[in-house]
Amino acid sequence: YYEFERINEKHCIIYSTEWIQKDSINSLIE
């Protein structure tokens, strides 16, 4: 996911977040 945070009309920061399914975490680790 990318989320835009507008500081003002000329300035923004784009944040990122990644996710995985809870059921997939063990397979990922193994």
PDB file of all heavy atoms in Angstrom:
ATOM      1  N   TYR A   1       0.842  -1.186   0.000  1.00  0.00           N
ATOM      2  CA  TYR A   1       0.000   0.000   0.000  1.00  0.00           C
ATOM      3  C   TYR A   1       0.883   1.243   0.000  1.00  0.00           C
ATOM      4  O   TYR A   1       1.922   1.284   0.663  1.00  0.00           O
ATOM      5  CB  TYR A   1      -0.895   0.044   1.251  1.00  0.00           C
ATOM      6  CG  TYR A   1      -1.956  -1.015   1.290  1.00  0.00           C
ATOM      7  CD1 TYR A   1      -1.881  -2.066   2.203  1.00  0.00           C
ATOM      8  CD2 TYR A   1      -3.044  -0.966   0.423  1.00  0.00           C
ATOM      9  CE1 TYR A   1      -2.854  -3.048   2.244  1.00  0.00           C
ATOM     10  CE2 TYR A   1      -4.021  -1.942   0.453  1.00  0.00           C
ATOM     11  CZ  TYR A   1      -3.919  -2.977   1.368  1.00  0.00           C
ATOM     12  OH  TYR A   1      -4.886  -3.948   1.399  1.00  0.00           O
ATOM     13  N   TYR A   2       0.462   2.259  -0.747  1.00  0.00           N
ATOM     14  CA  TYR A   2       1.108   3.564  -0.723  1.00  0.00           C
ATOM     15  C   TYR A   2       0.077   4.610  -0.301  1.00  0.00           C
ATOM     16  O   TYR A   2      -1.048   4.605  -0.806  1.00  0.00           O
ATOM     17  CB  TYR A   2       1.674   3.929  -2.091  1.00  0.00           C
ATOM     18  CG  TYR A   2       2.871   3.104  -2.491  1.00  0.00           C
ATOM     19  CD1 TYR A   2       2.758   2.050  -3.391  1.00  0.00           C
ATOM     20  CD2 TYR A   2       4.138   3.367  -1.957  1.00  0.00           C
ATOM     21  CE1 TYR A   2       3.861   1.278  -3.751  1.00  0.00           C
ATOM     22  CE2 TYR A   2       5.244   2.603  -2.315  1.00  0.00           C
ATOM     23  CZ  TYR A   2       5.095   1.560  -3.209  1.00  0.00           C
ATOM     24  OH  TYR A   2       6.179   0.809  -3.549  1.00  0.00           O
ATOM     25  N   GLU A   3       0.467   5.470   0.610  1.00  0.00           N
ATOM     26  CA  GLU A   3      -0.447   6.484   1.127  1.00  0.00           C
ATOM     27  C   GLU A   3       0.186   7.865   1.006  1.00  0.00           C
ATOM     28  O   GLU A   3       1.297   8.095   1.485  1.00  0.00           O
ATOM     29  CB  GLU A   3      -0.797   6.193   2.586  1.00  0.00           C
ATOM     30  CG  GLU A   3      -1.883   7.091   3.147  1.00  0.00           C
ATOM     31  CD  GLU A   3      -2.387   6.626   4.494  1.00  0.00           C
ATOM     32  OE1 GLU A   3      -1.958   5.545   4.962  1.00  0.00           O
ATOM     33  OE2 GLU A   3      -3.210   7.348   5.095  1.00  0.00           O
ATOM     34  N   PHE A   4      -0.528   8.778   0.340  1.00  0.00           N
ATOM     35  CA  PHE A   4      -0.053  10.145   0.144  1.00  0.00           C
ATOM     36  C   PHE A   4      -0.427  11.003   1.346  1.00  0.00           C
ATOM     37  O   PHE A   4      -1.588  11.032   1.767  1.00  0.00           O
ATOM     38  CB  PHE A   4      -0.687  10.767  -1.110  1.00  0.00           C
ATOM     39  CG  PHE A   4      -0.140  10.242  -2.411  1.00  0.00           C
ATOM     40  CD1 PHE A   4      -0.567   9.029  -2.922  1.00  0.00           C
ATOM     41  CD2 PHE A   4       0.791  10.971  -3.131  1.00  0.00           C
ATOM     42  CE1 PHE A   4      -0.079   8.541  -4.123  1.00  0.00           C
ATOM     43  CE2 PHE A   4       1.292  10.499  -4.334  1.00  0.00           C
ATOM     44  CZ  PHE A   4       0.857   9.277  -4.828  1.00  0.00           C
ATOM     45  N   GLU A   5       0.555  11.704   1.865  1.00  0.00           N
ATOM     46  CA  GLU A   5       0.311  12.717   2.893  1.00  0.00           C
ATOM     47  C   GLU A   5       0.721  14.067   2.323  1.00  0.00           C
ATOM     48  O   GLU A   5       1.904  14.321   2.090  1.00  0.00           O
ATOM     49  CB  GLU A   5       1.112  12.422   4.162  1.00  0.00           C
ATOM     50  CG  GLU A   5       0.905  13.459   5.258  1.00  0.00           C
ATOM     51  CD  GLU A   5       1.749  13.188   6.491  1.00  0.00           C
ATOM     52  OE1 GLU A   5       1.664  12.063   7.020  1.00  0.00           O
ATOM     53  OE2 GLU A   5       2.502  14.089   6.904  1.00  0.00           O
ATOM     54  N   ARG A   6      -0.256  14.915   2.078  1.00  0.00           N
ATOM     55  CA  ARG A   6       0.017  16.234   1.509  1.00  0.00           C
ATOM     56  C   ARG A   6       0.383  17.201   2.630  1.00  0.00           C
ATOM     57  O   ARG A   6      -0.430  17.486   3.512  1.00  0.00           O
ATOM     58  CB  ARG A   6      -1.186  16.756   0.734  1.00  0.00           C
ATOM     59  CG  ARG A   6      -1.511  15.951  -0.524  1.00  0.00           C
ATOM     60  CD  ARG A   6      -2.773  16.459  -1.184  1.00  0.00           C
ATOM     61  NE  ARG A   6      -2.554  17.717  -1.874  1.00  0.00           N
ATOM     62  CZ  ARG A   6      -2.471  17.839  -3.198  1.00  0.00           C
ATOM     63  NH1 ARG A   6      -2.577  16.755  -3.967  1.00  0.00           N
ATOM     64  NH2 ARG A   6      -2.301  19.008  -3.761  1.00  0.00           N
ATOM     65  N   ILE A   7       1.611  17.703   2.600  1.00  0.00           N
ATOM     66  CA  ILE A   7       2.032  18.722   3.566  1.00  0.00           C
ATOM     67  C   ILE A   7       1.377  20.048   3.211  1.00  0.00           C
ATOM     68  O   ILE A   7       0.867  20.764   4.067  1.00  0.00           O
ATOM     69  CB  ILE A   7       3.565  18.872   3.579  1.00  0.00           C
ATOM     70  CG1 ILE A   7       4.242  17.493   3.723  1.00  0.00           C
ATOM     71  CG2 ILE A   7       3.995  19.815   4.694  1.00  0.00           C
ATOM     72  CD1 ILE A   7       3.835  16.721   4.944  1.00  0.00           C
ATOM     73  N   ASN A   8       1.402  20.354   1.928  1.00  0.00           N
ATOM     74  CA  ASN A   8       0.683  21.493   1.362  1.00  0.00           C
ATOM     75  C   ASN A   8       0.514  21.208  -0.127  1.00  0.00           C
ATOM     76  O   ASN A   8       0.770  20.090  -0.584  1.00  0.00           O
ATOM     77  CB  ASN A   8       1.412  22.832   1.630  1.00  0.00           C
ATOM     78  CG  ASN A   8       2.863  22.804   1.147  1.00  0.00           C
ATOM     79  OD1 ASN A   8       3.147  22.407   0.022  1.00  0.00           O
ATOM     80  ND2 ASN A   8       3.790  23.217   2.009  1.00  0.00           N
ATOM     81  N   GLU A   9       0.092  22.205  -0.892  1.00  0.00           N
ATOM     82  CA  GLU A   9      -0.201  21.964  -2.306  1.00  0.00           C
ATOM     83  C   GLU A   9       1.050  21.733  -3.151  1.00  0.00           C
ATOM     84  O   GLU A   9       0.963  21.318  -4.311  1.00  0.00           O
ATOM     85  CB  GLU A   9      -0.978  23.144  -2.889  1.00  0.00           C
ATOM     86  CG  GLU A   9      -0.214  24.456  -2.894  1.00  0.00           C
ATOM     87  CD  GLU A   9      -0.992  25.586  -3.527  1.00  0.00           C
ATOM     88  OE1 GLU A   9      -2.174  25.385  -3.842  1.00  0.00           O
ATOM     89  OE2 GLU A   9      -0.399  26.672  -3.714  1.00  0.00           O
ATOM     90  N   LYS A  10       2.246  21.915  -2.570  1.00  0.00           N
ATOM     91  CA  LYS A  10       3.492  21.740  -3.309  1.00  0.00           C
ATOM     92  C   LYS A  10       4.405  20.657  -2.737  1.00  0.00           C
ATOM     93  O   LYS A  10       5.479  20.415  -3.271  1.00  0.00           O
ATOM     94  CB  LYS A  10       4.268  23.070  -3.354  1.00  0.00           C
ATOM     95  CG  LYS A  10       3.514  24.205  -4.031  1.00  0.00           C
ATOM     96  CD  LYS A  10       4.338  25.487  -4.051  1.00  0.00           C
ATOM     97  CE  LYS A  10       3.579  26.609  -4.735  1.00  0.00           C
ATOM     98  NZ  LYS A  10       4.372  27.855  -4.806  1.00  0.00           N
ATOM     99  N   HIS A  11       3.959  20.013  -1.679  1.00  0.00           N
ATOM    100  CA  HIS A  11       4.859  19.135  -0.933  1.00  0.00           C
ATOM    101  C   HIS A  11       4.085  17.928  -0.408  1.00  0.00           C
ATOM    102  O   HIS A  11       3.037  18.087   0.238  1.00  0.00           O
ATOM    103  CB  HIS A  11       5.471  19.932   0.230  1.00  0.00           C
ATOM    104  CG  HIS A  11       6.496  19.183   1.017  1.00  0.00           C
ATOM    105  ND1 HIS A  11       6.948  19.633   2.251  1.00  0.00           N
ATOM    106  CD2 HIS A  11       7.167  18.018   0.779  1.00  0.00           C
ATOM    107  CE1 HIS A  11       7.851  18.784   2.722  1.00  0.00           C
ATOM    108  NE2 HIS A  11       7.991  17.794   1.852  1.00  0.00           N
ATOM    109  N   CYS A  12       4.582  16.725  -0.680  1.00  0.00           N
ATOM    110  CA  CYS A  12       3.929  15.521  -0.163  1.00  0.00           C
ATOM    111  C   CYS A  12       4.962  14.460   0.184  1.00  0.00           C
ATOM    112  O   CYS A  12       6.083  14.462  -0.324  1.00  0.00           O
ATOM    113  CB  CYS A  12       2.918  14.968  -1.167  1.00  0.00           C
ATOM    114  SG  CYS A  12       3.654  14.183  -2.618  1.00  0.00           S
ATOM    115  N   ILE A  13       4.558  13.550   1.063  1.00  0.00           N
ATOM    116  CA  ILE A  13       5.343  12.365   1.409  1.00  0.00           C
ATOM    117  C   ILE A  13       4.474  11.153   1.123  1.00  0.00           C
ATOM    118  O   ILE A  13       3.282  11.132   1.449  1.00  0.00           O
ATOM    119  CB  ILE A  13       5.776  12.383   2.880  1.00  0.00           C
ATOM    120  CG1 ILE A  13       6.656  13.599   3.171  1.00  0.00           C
ATOM    121  CG2 ILE A  13       6.539  11.100   3.232  1.00  0.00           C
ATOM    122  CD1 ILE A  13       7.041  13.754   4.635  1.00  0.00           C
ATOM    123  N   ILE A  14       5.050  10.127   0.500  1.00  0.00           N
ATOM    124  CA  ILE A  14       4.332   8.898   0.187  1.00  0.00           C
ATOM    125  C   ILE A  14       4.869   7.790   1.097  1.00  0.00           C
ATOM    126  O   ILE A  14       6.062   7.486   1.080  1.00  0.00           O
ATOM    127  CB  ILE A  14       4.511   8.505  -1.288  1.00  0.00           C
ATOM    128  CG1 ILE A  14       4.088   9.663  -2.200  1.00  0.00           C
ATOM    129  CG2 ILE A  14       3.700   7.253  -1.604  1.00  0.00           C
ATOM    130  CD1 ILE A  14       4.389   9.421  -3.663  1.00  0.00           C
ATOM    131  N   TYR A  15       3.975   7.213   1.892  1.00  0.00           N
ATOM    132  CA  TYR A  15       4.348   6.154   2.831  1.00  0.00           C
ATOM    133  C   TYR A  15       3.977   4.794   2.252  1.00  0.00           C
ATOM    134  O   TYR A  15       3.033   4.662   1.475  1.00  0.00           O
ATOM    135  CB  TYR A  15       3.626   6.352   4.166  1.00  0.00           C
ATOM    136  CG  TYR A  15       4.077   7.573   4.928  1.00  0.00           C
ATOM    137  CD1 TYR A  15       3.487   8.809   4.703  1.00  0.00           C
ATOM    138  CD2 TYR A  15       5.091   7.487   5.882  1.00  0.00           C
ATOM    139  CE1 TYR A  15       3.900   9.938   5.402  1.00  0.00           C
ATOM    140  CE2 TYR A  15       5.508   8.603   6.589  1.00  0.00           C
ATOM    141  CZ  TYR A  15       4.912   9.834   6.339  1.00  0.00           C
ATOM    142  OH  TYR A  15       5.321  10.949   7.033  1.00  0.00           O
ATOM    143  N   SER A  16       4.730   3.770   2.643  1.00  0.00           N
ATOM    144  CA  SER A  16       4.448   2.419   2.171  1.00  0.00           C
ATOM    145  C   SER A  16       4.239   1.474   3.345  1.00  0.00           C
ATOM    146  O   SER A  16       4.820   1.640   4.423  1.00  0.00           O
ATOM    147  CB  SER A  16       5.593   1.900   1.291  1.00  0.00           C
ATOM    148  OG  SER A  16       6.763   1.705   2.061  1.00  0.00           O
ATOM    149  N   THR A  17       3.375   0.484   3.127  1.00  0.00           N
ATOM    150  CA  THR A  17       3.117  -0.584   4.093  1.00  0.00           C
ATOM    151  C   THR A  17       2.947  -1.879   3.319  1.00  0.00           C
ATOM    152  O   THR A  17       2.268  -1.904   2.291  1.00  0.00           O
ATOM    153  CB  THR A  17       1.832  -0.308   4.900  1.00  0.00           C
ATOM    154  OG1 THR A  17       1.906   0.972   5.513  1.00  0.00           O
ATOM    155  CG2 THR A  17       1.644  -1.374   5.981  1.00  0.00           C
ATOM    156  N   GLU A  18       3.582  -2.968   3.800  1.00  0.00           N
ATOM    157  CA  GLU A  18       3.426  -4.274   3.176  1.00  0.00           C
ATOM    158  C   GLU A  18       2.687  -5.204   4.126  1.00  0.00           C
ATOM    159  O   GLU A  18       2.679  -4.998   5.331  1.00  0.00           O
ATOM    160  CB  GLU A  18       4.787  -4.881   2.829  1.00  0.00           C
ATOM    161  CG  GLU A  18       5.485  -4.203   1.671  1.00  0.00           C
ATOM    162  CD  GLU A  18       6.080  -2.870   2.040  1.00  0.00           C
ATOM    163  OE1 GLU A  18       6.658  -2.780   3.147  1.00  0.00           O
ATOM    164  OE2 GLU A  18       5.960  -1.917   1.264  1.00  0.00           O
ATOM    165  N   TRP A  19       2.036  -6.234   3.556  1.00  0.00           N
ATOM    166  CA  TRP A  19       1.285  -7.154   4.397  1.00  0.00           C
ATOM    167  C   TRP A  19       1.385  -8.574   3.871  1.00  0.00           C
ATOM    168  O   TRP A  19       1.692  -8.806   2.708  1.00  0.00           O
ATOM    169  CB  TRP A  19      -0.192  -6.749   4.468  1.00  0.00           C
ATOM    170  CG  TRP A  19      -0.899  -6.757   3.137  1.00  0.00           C
ATOM    171  CD1 TRP A  19      -1.018  -5.717   2.268  1.00  0.00           C
ATOM    172  CD2 TRP A  19      -1.571  -7.862   2.524  1.00  0.00           C
ATOM    173  NE1 TRP A  19      -1.726  -6.100   1.156  1.00  0.00           N
ATOM    174  CE2 TRP A  19      -2.086  -7.412   1.286  1.00  0.00           C
ATOM    175  CE3 TRP A  19      -1.791  -9.196   2.899  1.00  0.00           C
ATOM    176  CZ2 TRP A  19      -2.794  -8.241   0.426  1.00  0.00           C
ATOM    177  CZ3 TRP A  19      -2.502 -10.024   2.039  1.00  0.00           C
ATOM    178  CH2 TRP A  19      -3.000  -9.538   0.821  1.00  0.00           C
ATOM    179  N   ILE A  20       1.139  -9.541   4.773  1.00  0.00           N
ATOM    180  CA  ILE A  20       1.011 -10.944   4.392  1.00  0.00           C
ATOM    181  C   ILE A  20      -0.103 -11.557   5.230  1.00  0.00           C
ATOM    182  O   ILE A  20      -0.428 -11.085   6.321  1.00  0.00           O
ATOM    183  CB  ILE A  20       2.322 -11.736   4.621  1.00  0.00           C
ATOM    184  CG1 ILE A  20       2.721 -11.679   6.095  1.00  0.00           C
ATOM    185  CG2 ILE A  20       3.431 -11.244   3.740  1.00  0.00           C
ATOM    186  CD1 ILE A  20       3.884 -12.577   6.426  1.00  0.00           C
ATOM    187  N   GLN A  21      -0.701 -12.632   4.721  1.00  0.00           N
ATOM    188  CA  GLN A  21      -1.732 -13.339   5.466  1.00  0.00           C
ATOM    189  C   GLN A  21      -1.126 -14.023   6.697  1.00  0.00           C
ATOM    190  O   GLN A  21      -0.016 -14.562   6.639  1.00  0.00           O
ATOM    191  CB  GLN A  21      -2.389 -14.398   4.575  1.00  0.00           C
ATOM    192  CG  GLN A  21      -3.252 -13.817   3.467  1.00  0.00           C
ATOM    193  CD  GLN A  21      -4.504 -13.155   3.998  1.00  0.00           C
ATOM    194  OE1 GLN A  21      -5.003 -13.516   5.060  1.00  0.00           O
ATOM    195  NE2 GLN A  21      -5.015 -12.182   3.273  1.00  0.00           N
ATOM    196  N   LYS A  22      -1.871 -14.001   7.788  1.00  0.00           N
ATOM    197  CA  LYS A  22      -1.409 -14.665   9.011  1.00  0.00           C
ATOM    198  C   LYS A  22      -1.136 -16.145   8.758  1.00  0.00           C
ATOM    199  O   LYS A  22      -0.162 -16.713   9.269  1.00  0.00           O
ATOM    200  CB  LYS A  22      -2.454 -14.496  10.115  1.00  0.00           C
ATOM    201  CG  LYS A  22      -2.054 -15.137  11.448  1.00  0.00           C
ATOM    202  CD  LYS A  22      -3.142 -14.969  12.496  1.00  0.00           C
ATOM    203  CE  LYS A  22      -2.749 -15.654  13.801  1.00  0.00           C
ATOM    204  NZ  LYS A  22      -3.829 -15.526  14.824  1.00  0.00           N
ATOM    205  N   ASP A  23      -1.980 -16.782   7.951  1.00  0.00           N
ATOM    206  CA  ASP A  23      -1.822 -18.206   7.671  1.00  0.00           C
ATOM    207  C   ASP A  23      -0.570 -18.510   6.847  1.00  0.00           C
ATOM    208  O   ASP A  23      -0.150 -19.667   6.750  1.00  0.00           O
ATOM    209  CB  ASP A  23      -3.052 -18.745   6.930  1.00  0.00           C
ATOM    210  CG  ASP A  23      -4.307 -18.727   7.792  1.00  0.00           C
ATOM    211  OD1 ASP A  23      -4.158 -18.626   9.025  1.00  0.00           O
ATOM    212  OD2 ASP A  23      -5.417 -18.798   7.236  1.00  0.00           O
ATOM    213  N   SER A  24       0.006 -17.478   6.225  1.00  0.00           N
ATOM    214  CA  SER A  24       1.174 -17.685   5.371  1.00  0.00           C
ATOM    215  C   SER A  24       2.493 -17.497   6.107  1.00  0.00           C
ATOM    216  O   SER A  24       3.548 -17.824   5.564  1.00  0.00           O
ATOM    217  CB  SER A  24       1.134 -16.706   4.181  1.00  0.00           C
ATOM    218  OG  SER A  24      -0.020 -16.897   3.413  1.00  0.00           O
ATOM    219  N   ILE A  25       2.432 -16.973   7.333  1.00  0.00           N
ATOM    220  CA  ILE A  25       3.659 -16.577   8.004  1.00  0.00           C
ATOM    221  C   ILE A  25       4.551 -17.786   8.308  1.00  0.00           C
ATOM    222  O   ILE A  25       5.777 -17.722   8.162  1.00  0.00           O
ATOM    223  CB  ILE A  25       3.359 -15.785   9.295  1.00  0.00           C
ATOM    224  CG1 ILE A  25       4.612 -15.049   9.784  1.00  0.00           C
ATOM    225  CG2 ILE A  25       2.769 -16.667  10.364  1.00  0.00           C
ATOM    226  CD1 ILE A  25       4.965 -13.852   8.954  1.00  0.00           C
ATOM    227  N   ASN A  26       3.945 -18.920   8.676  1.00  0.00           N
ATOM    228  CA  ASN A  26       4.768 -20.093   8.991  1.00  0.00           C
ATOM    229  C   ASN A  26       5.448 -20.647   7.746  1.00  0.00           C
ATOM    230  O   ASN A  26       6.614 -21.063   7.803  1.00  0.00           O
ATOM    231  CB  ASN A  26       3.901 -21.166   9.647  1.00  0.00           C
ATOM    232  CG  ASN A  26       3.478 -20.792  11.055  1.00  0.00           C
ATOM    233  OD1 ASN A  26       4.178 -20.063  11.749  1.00  0.00           O
ATOM    234  ND2 ASN A  26       2.317 -21.273  11.480  1.00  0.00           N
ATOM    235  N   SER A  27       4.726 -20.656   6.619  1.00  0.00           N
ATOM    236  CA  SER A  27       5.331 -21.116   5.368  1.00  0.00           C
ATOM    237  C   SER A  27       6.478 -20.202   4.964  1.00  0.00           C
ATOM    238  O   SER A  27       7.521 -20.662   4.481  1.00  0.00           O
ATOM    239  CB  SER A  27       4.282 -21.154   4.257  1.00  0.00           C
ATOM    240  OG  SER A  27       3.260 -22.070   4.570  1.00  0.00           O
ATOM    241  N   LEU A  28       6.279 -18.912   5.172  1.00  0.00           N
ATOM    242  CA  LEU A  28       7.324 -17.939   4.854  1.00  0.00           C
ATOM    243  C   LEU A  28       8.572 -18.200   5.683  1.00  0.00           C
ATOM    244  O   LEU A  28       9.689 -18.237   5.159  1.00  0.00           O
ATOM    245  CB  LEU A  28       6.783 -16.529   5.107  1.00  0.00           C
ATOM    246  CG  LEU A  28       7.704 -15.336   4.822  1.00  0.00           C
ATOM    247  CD1 LEU A  28       6.859 -14.134   4.410  1.00  0.00           C
ATOM    248  CD2 LEU A  28       8.525 -14.955   6.058  1.00  0.00           C
ATOM    249  N   ILE A  29       8.379 -18.414   6.974  1.00  0.00           N
ATOM    250  CA  ILE A  29       9.512 -18.631   7.865  1.00  0.00           C
ATOM    251  C   ILE A  29      10.233 -19.937   7.531  1.00  0.00           C
ATOM    252  O   ILE A  29      11.469 -19.987   7.462  1.00  0.00           O
ATOM    253  CB  ILE A  29       9.041 -18.612   9.329  1.00  0.00           C
ATOM    254  CG1 ILE A  29       8.631 -17.186   9.720  1.00  0.00           C
ATOM    255  CG2 ILE A  29      10.130 -19.135  10.261  1.00  0.00           C
ATOM    256  CD1 ILE A  29       8.006 -17.083  11.087  1.00  0.00           C
ATOM    257  N   GLU A  30       9.461 -21.000   7.297  1.00  0.00           N
ATOM    258  CA  GLU A  30      10.073 -22.296   7.000  1.00  0.00           C
ATOM    259  C   GLU A  30      10.851 -22.254   5.689  1.00  0.00           C
ATOM    260  O   GLU A  30      11.905 -22.882   5.566  1.00  0.00           O
ATOM    261  CB  GLU A  30       9.000 -23.381   6.951  1.00  0.00           C
ATOM    262  CG  GLU A  30       8.394 -23.725   8.308  1.00  0.00           C
ATOM    263  CD  GLU A  30       9.433 -24.177   9.312  1.00  0.00           C
ATOM    264  OE1 GLU A  30      10.329 -24.970   8.926  1.00  0.00           O
ATOM    265  OE2 GLU A  30       9.369 -23.736  10.481  1.00  0.00           O
TER     266      GLU A  30
END
